[in-house]
Amino acid sequence: MIKILVVSDSHGNSEDIKTLVNETEFNYMFFLGDTLMDVENLKLDNLIKVRGNWDYDFSTKSIITVKIENVKFLLLHGHGFGVKHGLGYLIKEAEKEKVDFVCYGHTHMSNLEYVNGIGYLNPGAFSYAKNGKKTYAVLTLENGKVSAEIKYFK
């Protein structure tokens, strides 16, 4: 069983990110952008990150695919795919890339849905959340299947 911690939109909230990392058991961490500096000082071997619209580290890609345990993930922040107005462009990209699961951020609202057999997860925001509560997600990979849980931070 593999656990993946998924965080987005921390916007300078590095202390709470450190607390979350220290209090959560996981094998990988996906950071979906806004603000990369919040995770760059973490000593994590399995940190996989993408750049958001507030990030200016252009050496970090804004969209990537990653394969873990035969599950292909598409990771991105989402601002270049109009996710605040729906998943239409993101669905087209996911189907084009033939992925199993998509992790995105940008909207500051958590969301989990499935379209045509592909999972779409937004862990919400770890700072400036629209509902006022910091959220993140934990993915569990077991026997080639992904389950997702959106969680509240303290």
Protein backbone atom coordinates (compact mmCIF):
# COMPACT_ATOMS: atom_id res chain seq x y z
CA MET A 1 0.00 0.00 0.00
CA ILE A 2 1.31 3.44 -1.01
CA LYS A 3 0.17 6.71 0.63
CA ILE A 4 0.48 10.02 -1.22
CA LEU A 5 0.06 13.35 0.55
CA VAL A 6 -1.44 15.95 -1.84
CA VAL A 7 -1.21 19.68 -1.03
CA SER A 8 -1.86 22.83 -3.06
CA ASP A 9 -2.07 26.59 -2.62
CA SER A 10 -0.13 27.04 0.61
CA HIS A 11 0.71 30.70 -0.16
CA GLY A 12 3.48 31.14 2.42
CA ASN A 13 2.08 28.81 5.06
CA SER A 14 5.34 26.89 5.42
CA GLU A 15 5.08 26.27 9.18
CA ASP A 16 1.78 24.42 8.88
CA ILE A 17 3.16 22.47 5.90
CA LYS A 18 6.07 21.33 8.11
CA THR A 19 3.62 20.31 10.83
CA LEU A 20 1.49 18.37 8.35
CA VAL A 21 4.53 16.57 6.93
CA ASN A 22 5.80 15.68 10.40
CA GLU A 23 2.40 14.39 11.58
CA THR A 24 1.39 12.41 8.47
CA GLU A 25 2.67 9.06 7.26
CA PHE A 26 3.17 8.98 3.50
CA ASN A 27 5.44 7.56 0.81
CA TYR A 28 5.17 10.45 -1.67
CA MET A 29 4.10 14.07 -1.54
CA PHE A 30 2.52 15.87 -4.49
CA PHE A 31 2.72 19.66 -4.21
CA LEU A 32 0.52 21.33 -6.82
CA GLY A 33 1.92 24.85 -6.71
CA ASP A 34 1.41 28.22 -5.08
CA THR A 35 3.97 28.63 -3.28
CA LEU A 36 6.94 26.34 -4.02
CA MET A 37 9.11 27.99 -1.35
CA ASP A 38 6.86 26.39 1.29
CA VAL A 39 8.13 22.91 0.41
CA GLU A 40 11.63 23.53 -0.92
CA ASN A 41 13.28 23.35 2.51
CA LEU A 42 11.59 20.08 3.42
CA LYS A 43 14.00 17.16 3.38
CA LEU A 44 11.78 14.77 1.41
CA ASP A 45 13.09 12.16 -1.00
CA ASN A 46 9.74 11.66 -2.72
CA LEU A 47 8.50 15.22 -3.16
CA ILE A 48 6.98 15.73 -6.61
CA LYS A 49 6.02 19.31 -7.38
CA VAL A 50 4.64 21.52 -10.10
CA ARG A 51 4.66 25.29 -10.50
CA GLY A 52 1.54 27.37 -9.87
CA ASN A 53 0.57 30.82 -11.09
CA TRP A 54 2.25 32.45 -8.05
CA ASP A 55 5.52 30.57 -8.59
CA TYR A 56 8.46 32.02 -10.46
CA ASP A 57 10.81 29.04 -10.40
CA PHE A 58 10.66 28.33 -14.11
CA SER A 59 12.95 25.32 -13.71
CA THR A 60 9.95 23.55 -12.15
CA LYS A 61 7.48 22.33 -14.75
CA SER A 62 3.86 23.46 -14.63
CA ILE A 63 2.47 20.07 -15.71
CA ILE A 64 3.92 16.56 -15.43
CA THR A 65 2.89 12.92 -15.59
CA VAL A 66 4.13 10.48 -12.96
CA LYS A 67 3.69 6.72 -12.76
CA ILE A 68 3.55 5.08 -9.32
CA GLU A 69 2.60 1.40 -8.91
CA ASN A 70 1.27 1.28 -12.49
CA VAL A 71 -1.04 4.25 -11.88
CA LYS A 72 -0.38 7.18 -14.21
CA PHE A 73 -1.00 10.60 -12.64
CA LEU A 74 -1.29 14.00 -14.28
CA LEU A 75 -0.13 16.76 -11.90
CA LEU A 76 -0.69 20.45 -12.50
CA HIS A 77 -1.83 23.60 -10.77
CA GLY A 78 -4.72 24.14 -13.14
CA HIS A 79 -4.63 27.85 -13.98
CA GLY A 80 -3.72 27.13 -17.61
CA PHE A 81 -6.76 24.85 -18.01
CA GLY A 82 -9.54 27.13 -16.78
CA VAL A 83 -10.38 24.92 -13.79
CA LYS A 84 -12.21 27.79 -12.07
CA HIS A 85 -14.82 27.47 -14.83
CA GLY A 86 -15.06 23.67 -14.97
CA LEU A 87 -13.01 20.64 -15.91
CA GLY A 88 -13.64 20.58 -19.67
CA TYR A 89 -10.10 21.43 -20.83
CA LEU A 90 -8.57 19.31 -18.10
CA ILE A 91 -10.67 16.30 -19.11
CA LYS A 92 -9.44 16.65 -22.70
CA GLU A 93 -5.82 16.82 -21.52
CA ALA A 94 -6.21 13.82 -19.20
CA GLU A 95 -7.74 11.71 -21.95
CA LYS A 96 -5.05 12.81 -24.42
CA GLU A 97 -2.31 11.82 -21.92
CA LYS A 98 -4.11 8.54 -21.10
CA VAL A 99 -3.80 9.00 -17.33
CA ASP A 100 -5.66 7.23 -14.56
CA PHE A 101 -5.84 10.10 -12.08
CA VAL A 102 -5.46 13.90 -12.14
CA CYS A 103 -4.37 16.12 -9.24
CA TYR A 104 -4.87 19.87 -9.63
CA GLY A 105 -5.32 22.98 -7.48
CA HIS A 106 -5.91 26.70 -8.12
CA THR A 107 -9.62 26.94 -7.21
CA HIS A 108 -9.05 26.93 -3.42
CA MET A 109 -11.96 24.47 -3.12
CA SER A 110 -11.60 20.74 -2.61
CA ASN A 111 -13.21 18.46 -5.15
CA LEU A 112 -13.19 14.79 -6.09
CA GLU A 113 -15.01 13.43 -9.11
CA TYR A 114 -14.70 10.76 -11.76
CA VAL A 115 -15.29 11.30 -15.48
CA ASN A 116 -14.95 8.47 -18.00
CA GLY A 117 -13.06 6.37 -15.46
CA ILE A 118 -10.47 9.04 -14.64
CA GLY A 119 -10.28 10.52 -11.12
CA TYR A 120 -9.99 14.30 -10.70
CA LEU A 121 -8.81 15.52 -7.30
CA ASN A 122 -8.39 19.04 -6.05
CA PRO A 123 -7.14 18.90 -2.44
CA GLY A 124 -8.38 22.44 -1.85
CA ALA A 125 -6.18 25.15 -0.38
CA PHE A 126 -3.75 24.98 2.49
CA SER A 127 -4.07 28.74 2.87
CA TYR A 128 -6.84 31.18 1.90
CA ALA A 129 -9.34 28.37 1.46
CA LYS A 130 -12.72 29.50 0.14
CA ASN A 131 -14.56 27.71 2.96
CA GLY A 132 -12.12 29.07 5.56
CA LYS A 133 -10.69 25.63 6.42
CA LYS A 134 -7.29 24.39 5.26
CA THR A 135 -7.61 21.15 3.34
CA TYR A 136 -5.31 18.57 1.83
CA ALA A 137 -5.77 15.04 0.51
CA VAL A 138 -4.35 11.58 0.99
CA LEU A 139 -4.34 9.09 -1.87
CA THR A 140 -4.01 5.39 -1.17
CA LEU A 141 -2.75 3.09 -3.94
CA GLU A 142 -3.45 -0.58 -3.47
CA ASN A 143 -3.56 -3.32 -6.10
CA GLY A 144 -3.60 -0.76 -8.93
CA LYS A 145 -6.57 1.14 -7.50
CA VAL A 146 -6.60 4.69 -6.12
CA SER A 147 -8.77 5.86 -3.27
CA ALA A 148 -8.83 9.50 -2.21
CA GLU A 149 -9.71 11.24 1.01
CA ILE A 150 -9.95 15.00 1.49
CA LYS A 151 -8.97 16.05 5.00
CA TYR A 152 -9.10 19.18 7.14
CA PHE A 153 -5.92 20.48 8.79
CA LYS A 154 -6.45 21.11 12.50
